[in-house]
Amino acid sequence: MKLKEVNWLNLSFVVITHLIVIIGLPLYLIYNSPSSILWWGLLGLFLFSGLGITMGYHRLYAHKSYTPSNKIVEGLIVFMGTLATQGTILQWSFDHRRHHAYVDTEKDPYDIKKGFWHAHWFWMFKKKDTVNFKEVPDLSKNKLLMFQHKHYLLCILVANLIPFLIFGYLTNDYLGSFLIVWMLRLVLLHEATWCINSLAHYYGSKYYLREVSAVDNWIVSLFTLGEGYHNYHHAFASDYRNGIKWYNFDPGKWVIWTLSKIELVKDKTKMSNNTIMRRLIREDVKLMDEEISINKRKDAEEIKNKIKLLSTSLYKRLGEMNEFKKTNQSDNYTKASKEFEILKKEWIKLSKELEH
């Protein structure tokens, strides 16, 4: 990277905040015993500002997976995201929409093919394309987002000064509040968010979309507040959920769902089980074909015919289930569901046989 291409503002910010935490925090802890209030403040604000990114910047603005019911709710979500100090909503969404449109190509802002550390850090240290408002027309019409975009420095200073002053006052320890509640929180949250660009494109499983580098990694979801189910997200980017199973750790999903129940958000997008299952079958067919090609089986044609027959039957049952559900034919739906489960067991058995 040439010097004229370096984004000195981003580079300086990342280096300075990390040095403050790496050097300043240990020195502070040697001579001070901070109040537990500061540590609870760190945890609470990590969750609060982290949700501002995952359910605000990401799911609301980059992908429009739901809609706030009023400007007060939207204002709170914008405040939460601003507190995270990860750029303006317009710039963040502009970059992220390009990532999805051009994933794993030269046009992908954080292309994992350029290396783990490029996706994690170095992409930010190169001057970015300025926001093309034609690519984010929905966001550029939002006066609240345009205000944040035009007055971003003021917004992040005000947002972060509020908790810094509150916790400094409560503990009578403004240095501790600055180092723990402000700086340590920012560094931890930034590193966690950047792991979505790096780790979540590096190591994990691909069940929903095998053509891309994005993977599902439940460990990453633990410290990114649910963003680790990244392969599913790339397959169904508009879904308000990342972890679709009830036990998947996805606080953003839970908060959005809760807010919808009390009518503070609306129009949340959720992929149907039918749609998801069709995608899984399609991806399984691709994987099975690859296995047959690699292993050069003598019974390849027979297996391919079996795959075609089973997949066609599965698709047919899914179509019937969808139709019966729409027309409230509960008995027929139950019958089709049972037939689908029988076929599904055969499908899983065939898949396991091809793995060996």
Protein backbone atom coordinates (compact mmCIF):
# COMPACT_ATOMS: atom_id res chain seq x y z
CA MET A 1 0.00 0.00 0.00
CA LYS A 2 1.39 3.39 -1.03
CA LEU A 3 1.56 6.21 1.53
CA LYS A 4 -0.88 8.33 -0.46
CA GLU A 5 -3.41 5.48 -0.22
CA VAL A 6 -3.26 5.29 3.59
CA ASN A 7 -6.28 6.42 5.60
CA TRP A 8 -4.26 8.15 8.31
CA LEU A 9 -7.30 9.02 10.40
CA ASN A 10 -8.42 5.39 10.73
CA LEU A 11 -4.86 4.13 11.24
CA SER A 12 -4.14 6.72 13.94
CA PHE A 13 -7.42 6.04 15.74
CA VAL A 14 -6.90 2.26 15.85
CA VAL A 15 -3.23 2.54 16.91
CA ILE A 16 -3.90 5.15 19.60
CA THR A 17 -6.91 3.38 21.16
CA HIS A 18 -5.04 0.07 21.24
CA LEU A 19 -1.91 1.64 22.75
CA ILE A 20 -3.98 3.35 25.44
CA VAL A 21 -5.47 -0.01 26.42
CA ILE A 22 -2.26 -2.06 26.07
CA ILE A 23 -0.03 0.42 27.94
CA GLY A 24 -2.27 2.79 29.86
CA LEU A 25 -4.71 0.30 31.37
CA PRO A 26 -2.05 -2.01 32.96
CA LEU A 27 -0.27 1.01 34.45
CA TYR A 28 -3.57 2.26 35.86
CA LEU A 29 -4.39 -1.16 37.36
CA ILE A 30 -0.98 -1.37 39.06
CA TYR A 31 -1.73 1.71 41.13
CA ASN A 32 -5.51 1.56 41.37
CA SER A 33 -8.29 -0.85 42.31
CA PRO A 34 -11.21 0.24 40.14
CA SER A 35 -14.76 0.00 41.40
CA SER A 36 -16.81 -2.98 40.24
CA ILE A 37 -19.23 -0.38 38.85
CA LEU A 38 -16.73 0.34 36.08
CA TRP A 39 -16.50 -3.33 35.10
CA TRP A 40 -20.28 -3.65 35.05
CA GLY A 41 -20.38 -0.45 33.03
CA LEU A 42 -17.93 -2.00 30.56
CA LEU A 43 -20.11 -5.09 30.16
CA GLY A 44 -23.38 -3.18 29.92
CA LEU A 45 -22.11 -0.67 27.38
CA PHE A 46 -20.40 -3.40 25.34
CA LEU A 47 -23.78 -5.10 24.99
CA PHE A 48 -25.64 -1.81 24.46
CA SER A 49 -23.33 -0.41 21.77
CA GLY A 50 -22.74 -3.86 20.26
CA LEU A 51 -26.48 -4.28 19.73
CA GLY A 52 -26.42 -0.86 18.09
CA ILE A 53 -24.16 -2.35 15.44
CA THR A 54 -25.75 -5.77 14.94
CA MET A 55 -29.43 -4.81 15.15
CA GLY A 56 -28.98 -1.21 14.04
CA TYR A 57 -26.18 -0.58 11.57
CA HIS A 58 -26.31 -4.15 10.22
CA ARG A 59 -29.81 -5.58 10.25
CA LEU A 60 -31.84 -2.37 10.17
CA TYR A 61 -29.87 -0.11 7.85
CA ALA A 62 -27.58 -2.30 5.75
CA HIS A 63 -30.25 -4.96 5.11
CA LYS A 64 -33.60 -3.37 6.05
CA SER A 65 -34.72 -6.54 7.85
CA TYR A 66 -37.23 -4.63 10.01
CA THR A 67 -38.60 -1.13 10.57
CA PRO A 68 -38.78 0.98 13.76
CA SER A 69 -42.34 1.95 14.60
CA ASN A 70 -41.44 5.55 15.44
CA LYS A 71 -38.59 8.06 15.43
CA ILE A 72 -37.93 7.68 19.17
CA VAL A 73 -37.08 3.99 18.74
CA GLU A 74 -34.98 4.78 15.68
CA GLY A 75 -33.20 7.57 17.52
CA LEU A 76 -32.26 5.19 20.34
CA ILE A 77 -30.94 2.61 17.85
CA VAL A 78 -28.87 5.29 16.10
CA PHE A 79 -27.49 6.45 19.47
CA MET A 80 -26.52 2.87 20.39
CA GLY A 81 -24.66 2.43 17.10
CA THR A 82 -23.01 5.84 17.30
CA LEU A 83 -21.69 4.92 20.75
CA ALA A 84 -19.81 2.02 19.12
CA THR A 85 -17.72 4.48 17.05
CA GLN A 86 -17.54 2.43 13.84
CA GLY A 87 -18.17 5.13 11.27
CA THR A 88 -21.36 6.70 10.01
CA ILE A 89 -24.37 4.56 9.21
CA LEU A 90 -24.22 5.61 5.55
CA GLN A 91 -20.54 4.69 5.16
CA TRP A 92 -20.92 1.44 7.13
CA SER A 93 -23.97 0.36 5.12
CA PHE A 94 -22.40 1.45 1.83
CA ASP A 95 -19.33 -0.73 2.51
CA HIS A 96 -21.40 -3.63 3.78
CA ARG A 97 -23.80 -3.70 0.85
CA ARG A 98 -20.79 -3.78 -1.46
CA HIS A 99 -19.38 -6.66 0.57
CA HIS A 100 -22.53 -8.69 -0.06
CA ALA A 101 -22.79 -7.68 -3.72
CA TYR A 102 -19.14 -8.46 -4.51
CA VAL A 103 -18.13 -10.93 -1.80
CA ASP A 104 -14.72 -12.57 -2.34
CA THR A 105 -13.86 -10.32 -5.30
CA GLU A 106 -11.66 -7.26 -5.80
CA LYS A 107 -14.66 -5.02 -5.21
CA ASP A 108 -15.32 -6.56 -1.78
CA PRO A 109 -14.05 -3.95 0.74
CA TYR A 110 -12.89 -6.63 3.17
CA ASP A 111 -12.06 -9.44 0.75
CA ILE A 112 -10.83 -12.46 2.75
CA LYS A 113 -8.90 -13.67 -0.31
CA LYS A 114 -6.41 -10.87 0.32
CA GLY A 115 -5.59 -12.46 3.67
CA PHE A 116 -6.96 -12.83 7.18
CA TRP A 117 -5.39 -9.61 8.46
CA HIS A 118 -6.55 -7.62 5.45
CA ALA A 119 -10.14 -8.61 6.25
CA HIS A 120 -9.64 -7.99 9.98
CA TRP A 121 -7.63 -4.75 10.03
CA PHE A 122 -5.81 -3.53 6.97
CA TRP A 123 -8.82 -2.82 4.74
CA MET A 124 -9.68 0.05 7.09
CA PHE A 125 -6.24 1.63 6.70
CA LYS A 126 -6.71 2.20 2.98
CA LYS A 127 -8.64 5.21 1.76
CA LYS A 128 -12.22 4.19 1.03
CA ASP A 129 -14.55 5.17 -1.72
CA THR A 130 -16.75 7.98 -0.47
CA VAL A 131 -20.40 7.13 -0.07
CA ASN A 132 -22.24 7.04 -3.38
CA PHE A 133 -25.69 8.18 -2.35
CA LYS A 134 -27.16 6.50 -5.43
CA GLU A 135 -26.16 3.15 -3.91
CA VAL A 136 -27.87 3.93 -0.59
CA PRO A 137 -30.86 6.04 -1.75
CA ASP A 138 -33.11 4.76 1.02
CA LEU A 139 -30.65 5.88 3.71
CA SER A 140 -29.69 9.21 2.15
CA LYS A 141 -33.35 10.28 2.36
CA ASN A 142 -33.35 9.77 6.14
CA LYS A 143 -32.70 13.14 7.83
CA LEU A 144 -31.51 11.53 11.07
CA LEU A 145 -28.88 9.48 9.24
CA MET A 146 -27.77 12.45 7.15
CA PHE A 147 -27.33 14.51 10.33
CA GLN A 148 -25.14 11.79 11.82
CA HIS A 149 -23.17 11.55 8.57
CA LYS A 150 -22.51 15.28 8.38
CA HIS A 151 -21.77 15.79 12.09
CA TYR A 152 -20.21 12.45 12.94
CA LEU A 153 -17.34 13.70 15.13
CA LEU A 154 -19.75 15.70 17.28
CA CYS A 155 -22.13 12.72 17.51
CA ILE A 156 -19.51 10.21 18.70
CA LEU A 157 -18.04 12.65 21.20
CA VAL A 158 -21.41 13.44 22.75
CA ALA A 159 -22.50 9.78 22.74
CA ASN A 160 -19.32 8.61 24.47
CA LEU A 161 -18.94 11.55 26.84
CA ILE A 162 -22.31 10.80 28.43
CA PRO A 163 -21.42 7.34 29.86
CA PHE A 164 -17.83 8.45 30.59
CA LEU A 165 -19.07 11.32 32.76
CA ILE A 166 -21.83 9.24 34.41
CA PHE A 167 -19.50 6.42 35.47
CA GLY A 168 -16.74 8.86 36.37
CA TYR A 169 -19.16 10.68 38.66
CA LEU A 170 -20.57 7.47 40.20
CA THR A 171 -17.09 6.16 41.08
CA ASN A 172 -15.24 9.46 41.47
CA ASP A 173 -12.70 7.91 39.11
CA TYR A 174 -12.70 9.66 35.75
CA LEU A 175 -9.42 8.12 34.65
CA GLY A 176 -10.78 4.64 35.33
CA SER A 177 -14.00 5.51 33.51
CA PHE A 178 -12.02 6.71 30.51
CA LEU A 179 -9.75 3.65 30.36
CA ILE A 180 -12.31 0.94 31.15
CA VAL A 181 -15.76 2.17 30.15
CA TRP A 182 -14.61 4.12 27.11
CA MET A 183 -11.30 2.88 25.67
CA LEU A 184 -11.34 -0.80 26.69
CA ARG A 185 -14.97 -1.11 25.57
CA LEU A 186 -14.19 0.39 22.17
CA VAL A 187 -11.17 -1.84 21.57
CA LEU A 188 -12.99 -5.02 22.61
CA LEU A 189 -16.07 -4.14 20.57
CA HIS A 190 -14.05 -3.19 17.50
CA GLU A 191 -11.99 -6.37 17.62
CA ALA A 192 -15.18 -8.43 18.02
CA THR A 193 -16.86 -6.71 15.06
CA TRP A 194 -13.79 -7.14 12.86
CA CYS A 195 -13.85 -10.88 13.58
CA ILE A 196 -17.04 -11.03 11.50
CA ASN A 197 -15.01 -9.93 8.47
CA SER A 198 -12.11 -12.29 9.24
CA LEU A 199 -12.94 -15.32 11.40
CA ALA A 200 -16.49 -15.60 10.08
CA HIS A 201 -15.02 -15.92 6.58
CA TYR A 202 -12.24 -18.26 7.60
CA TYR A 203 -13.17 -21.22 9.80
CA GLY A 204 -16.58 -22.86 10.19
CA SER A 205 -19.34 -24.69 8.34
CA LYS A 206 -21.17 -23.94 5.09
CA TYR A 207 -24.64 -25.44 4.90
CA TYR A 208 -26.63 -22.70 3.18
CA LEU A 209 -24.28 -21.22 0.57
CA ARG A 210 -21.09 -23.05 -0.39
CA GLU A 211 -19.94 -20.65 -3.13
CA VAL A 212 -18.85 -17.94 -0.69
CA SER A 213 -16.20 -17.78 2.02
CA ALA A 214 -18.70 -16.90 4.76
CA VAL A 215 -19.07 -19.60 7.42
CA ASP A 216 -21.21 -20.39 10.44
CA ASN A 217 -19.11 -20.34 13.61
CA TRP A 218 -21.02 -20.48 16.91
CA ILE A 219 -17.95 -19.42 18.92
CA VAL A 220 -17.74 -16.16 16.95
CA SER A 221 -21.43 -15.58 17.67
CA LEU A 222 -20.72 -15.49 21.42
CA PHE A 223 -18.63 -12.31 21.31
CA THR A 224 -20.27 -10.70 18.26
CA LEU A 225 -23.77 -10.90 19.75
CA GLY A 226 -25.06 -13.41 17.22
CA GLU A 227 -23.18 -12.43 14.06
CA GLY A 228 -21.24 -15.70 13.86
CA TYR A 229 -23.91 -17.49 11.82
CA HIS A 230 -22.48 -15.78 8.78
CA ASN A 231 -23.03 -18.40 6.09
CA TYR A 232 -26.75 -18.33 6.78
CA HIS A 233 -26.63 -14.54 6.74
CA HIS A 234 -25.00 -14.45 3.30
CA ALA A 235 -27.62 -16.87 1.99
CA PHE A 236 -30.55 -14.90 3.47
CA ALA A 237 -29.24 -11.42 4.17
CA SER A 238 -32.66 -9.82 4.69
CA ASP A 239 -33.65 -12.18 7.53
CA TYR A 240 -33.74 -10.36 10.88
CA ARG A 241 -32.21 -13.47 12.44
CA ASN A 242 -28.68 -14.80 12.05
CA GLY A 243 -29.04 -17.80 14.34
CA ILE A 244 -32.30 -19.38 13.23
CA LYS A 245 -32.51 -22.21 15.75
CA TRP A 246 -33.99 -21.47 19.18
CA TYR A 247 -30.74 -22.31 20.96
CA ASN A 248 -28.51 -20.18 18.69
CA PHE A 249 -26.95 -17.29 20.64
CA ASP A 250 -28.30 -14.26 18.82
CA PRO A 251 -29.25 -11.37 21.17
CA GLY A 252 -30.01 -9.11 18.19
CA LYS A 253 -32.71 -11.53 17.07
CA TRP A 254 -34.18 -11.74 20.57
CA VAL A 255 -34.30 -7.95 21.01
CA ILE A 256 -35.90 -7.37 17.59
CA TRP A 257 -38.47 -10.12 18.26
CA THR A 258 -39.27 -8.66 21.71
CA LEU A 259 -39.63 -5.13 20.32
CA SER A 260 -41.98 -6.45 17.63
CA LYS A 261 -44.19 -8.03 20.29
CA ILE A 262 -44.63 -4.68 22.04
CA GLU A 263 -45.11 -2.96 18.65
CA LEU A 264 -41.92 -0.88 18.76
CA VAL A 265 -40.67 -2.42 15.51
CA LYS A 266 -42.59 -3.85 12.56
CA ASP A 267 -42.19 -5.48 9.14
CA LYS A 268 -39.46 -7.86 10.28
CA THR A 269 -38.34 -10.21 7.51
CA LYS A 270 -38.13 -13.90 8.30
CA MET A 271 -37.32 -16.66 5.82
CA SER A 272 -39.85 -19.50 5.88
CA ASN A 273 -38.72 -22.98 6.90
CA ASN A 274 -39.81 -24.11 3.44
CA THR A 275 -37.44 -21.66 1.74
CA ILE A 276 -34.56 -22.57 4.04
CA MET A 277 -35.08 -26.30 3.51
CA ARG A 278 -35.10 -25.85 -0.27
CA ARG A 279 -31.77 -24.05 -0.04
CA LEU A 280 -30.30 -26.83 2.14
CA ILE A 281 -31.39 -29.50 -0.33
CA ARG A 282 -29.93 -27.54 -3.24
CA GLU A 283 -26.59 -27.14 -1.46
CA ASP A 284 -26.58 -30.82 -0.49
CA VAL A 285 -27.05 -31.81 -4.13
CA LYS A 286 -23.99 -29.74 -5.08
CA LEU A 287 -21.92 -31.34 -2.33
CA MET A 288 -23.02 -34.86 -3.28
CA ASP A 289 -22.16 -34.25 -6.94
CA GLU A 290 -18.71 -33.08 -5.87
CA GLU A 291 -18.21 -36.18 -3.74
CA ILE A 292 -19.18 -38.45 -6.65
CA SER A 293 -16.83 -36.60 -9.01
CA ILE A 294 -13.88 -36.70 -6.58
CA ASN A 295 -14.28 -40.35 -5.61
CA LYS A 296 -14.96 -41.52 -9.20
CA ARG A 297 -17.52 -44.07 -8.09
CA LYS A 298 -18.38 -46.94 -10.41
CA ASP A 299 -22.04 -46.58 -9.50
CA ALA A 300 -21.99 -42.83 -10.15
CA GLU A 301 -24.94 -42.81 -12.56
CA GLU A 302 -27.06 -44.92 -10.22
CA ILE A 303 -26.28 -42.62 -7.28
CA LYS A 304 -26.97 -39.51 -9.37
CA ASN A 305 -30.36 -40.89 -10.36
CA LYS A 306 -31.12 -41.64 -6.73
CA ILE A 307 -30.12 -38.09 -5.73
CA LYS A 308 -32.35 -36.65 -8.46
CA LEU A 309 -35.29 -38.85 -7.50
CA LEU A 310 -35.00 -38.10 -3.77
CA SER A 311 -34.42 -34.36 -4.20
CA THR A 312 -37.39 -34.09 -6.57
CA SER A 313 -39.58 -35.91 -4.06
CA LEU A 314 -38.39 -33.64 -1.25
CA TYR A 315 -39.10 -30.50 -3.29
CA LYS A 316 -42.54 -31.88 -4.19
CA ARG A 317 -43.44 -32.53 -0.54
CA LEU A 318 -42.24 -29.07 0.44
CA GLY A 319 -44.47 -27.56 -2.25
CA GLU A 320 -47.43 -29.57 -1.03
CA MET A 321 -46.79 -28.59 2.59
CA ASN A 322 -46.63 -24.94 1.61
CA GLU A 323 -49.90 -25.16 -0.32
CA PHE A 324 -51.70 -27.11 2.41
CA LYS A 325 -50.54 -24.59 5.00
CA LYS A 326 -51.82 -21.66 2.93
CA THR A 327 -55.22 -23.30 2.42
CA ASN A 328 -55.52 -24.51 6.05
CA GLN A 329 -55.64 -28.19 5.09
CA SER A 330 -54.22 -29.41 8.40
CA ASP A 331 -54.76 -33.14 7.80
CA ASN A 332 -53.10 -33.06 4.40
CA TYR A 333 -50.31 -30.89 5.80
CA THR A 334 -49.64 -33.41 8.59
CA LYS A 335 -49.57 -36.28 6.09
CA ALA A 336 -47.18 -34.45 3.75
CA SER A 337 -44.96 -33.52 6.72
CA LYS A 338 -44.65 -37.17 7.78
CA GLU A 339 -43.82 -38.21 4.23
CA PHE A 340 -41.23 -35.43 4.07
CA GLU A 341 -39.56 -36.62 7.30
CA ILE A 342 -39.30 -40.16 5.92
CA LEU A 343 -37.69 -38.85 2.73
CA LYS A 344 -35.42 -36.61 4.77
CA LYS A 345 -34.06 -39.62 6.71
CA GLU A 346 -33.30 -41.36 3.42
CA TRP A 347 -31.59 -38.19 2.20
CA ILE A 348 -29.40 -37.93 5.32
CA LYS A 349 -28.49 -41.63 5.05
CA LEU A 350 -27.46 -41.19 1.41
CA SER A 351 -25.44 -38.09 2.27
CA LYS A 352 -23.52 -39.96 5.00
CA GLU A 353 -22.83 -42.89 2.66
CA LEU A 354 -21.25 -40.56 0.12
CA GLU A 355 -19.00 -39.01 2.77
CA HIS A 356 -17.21 -42.34 3.30
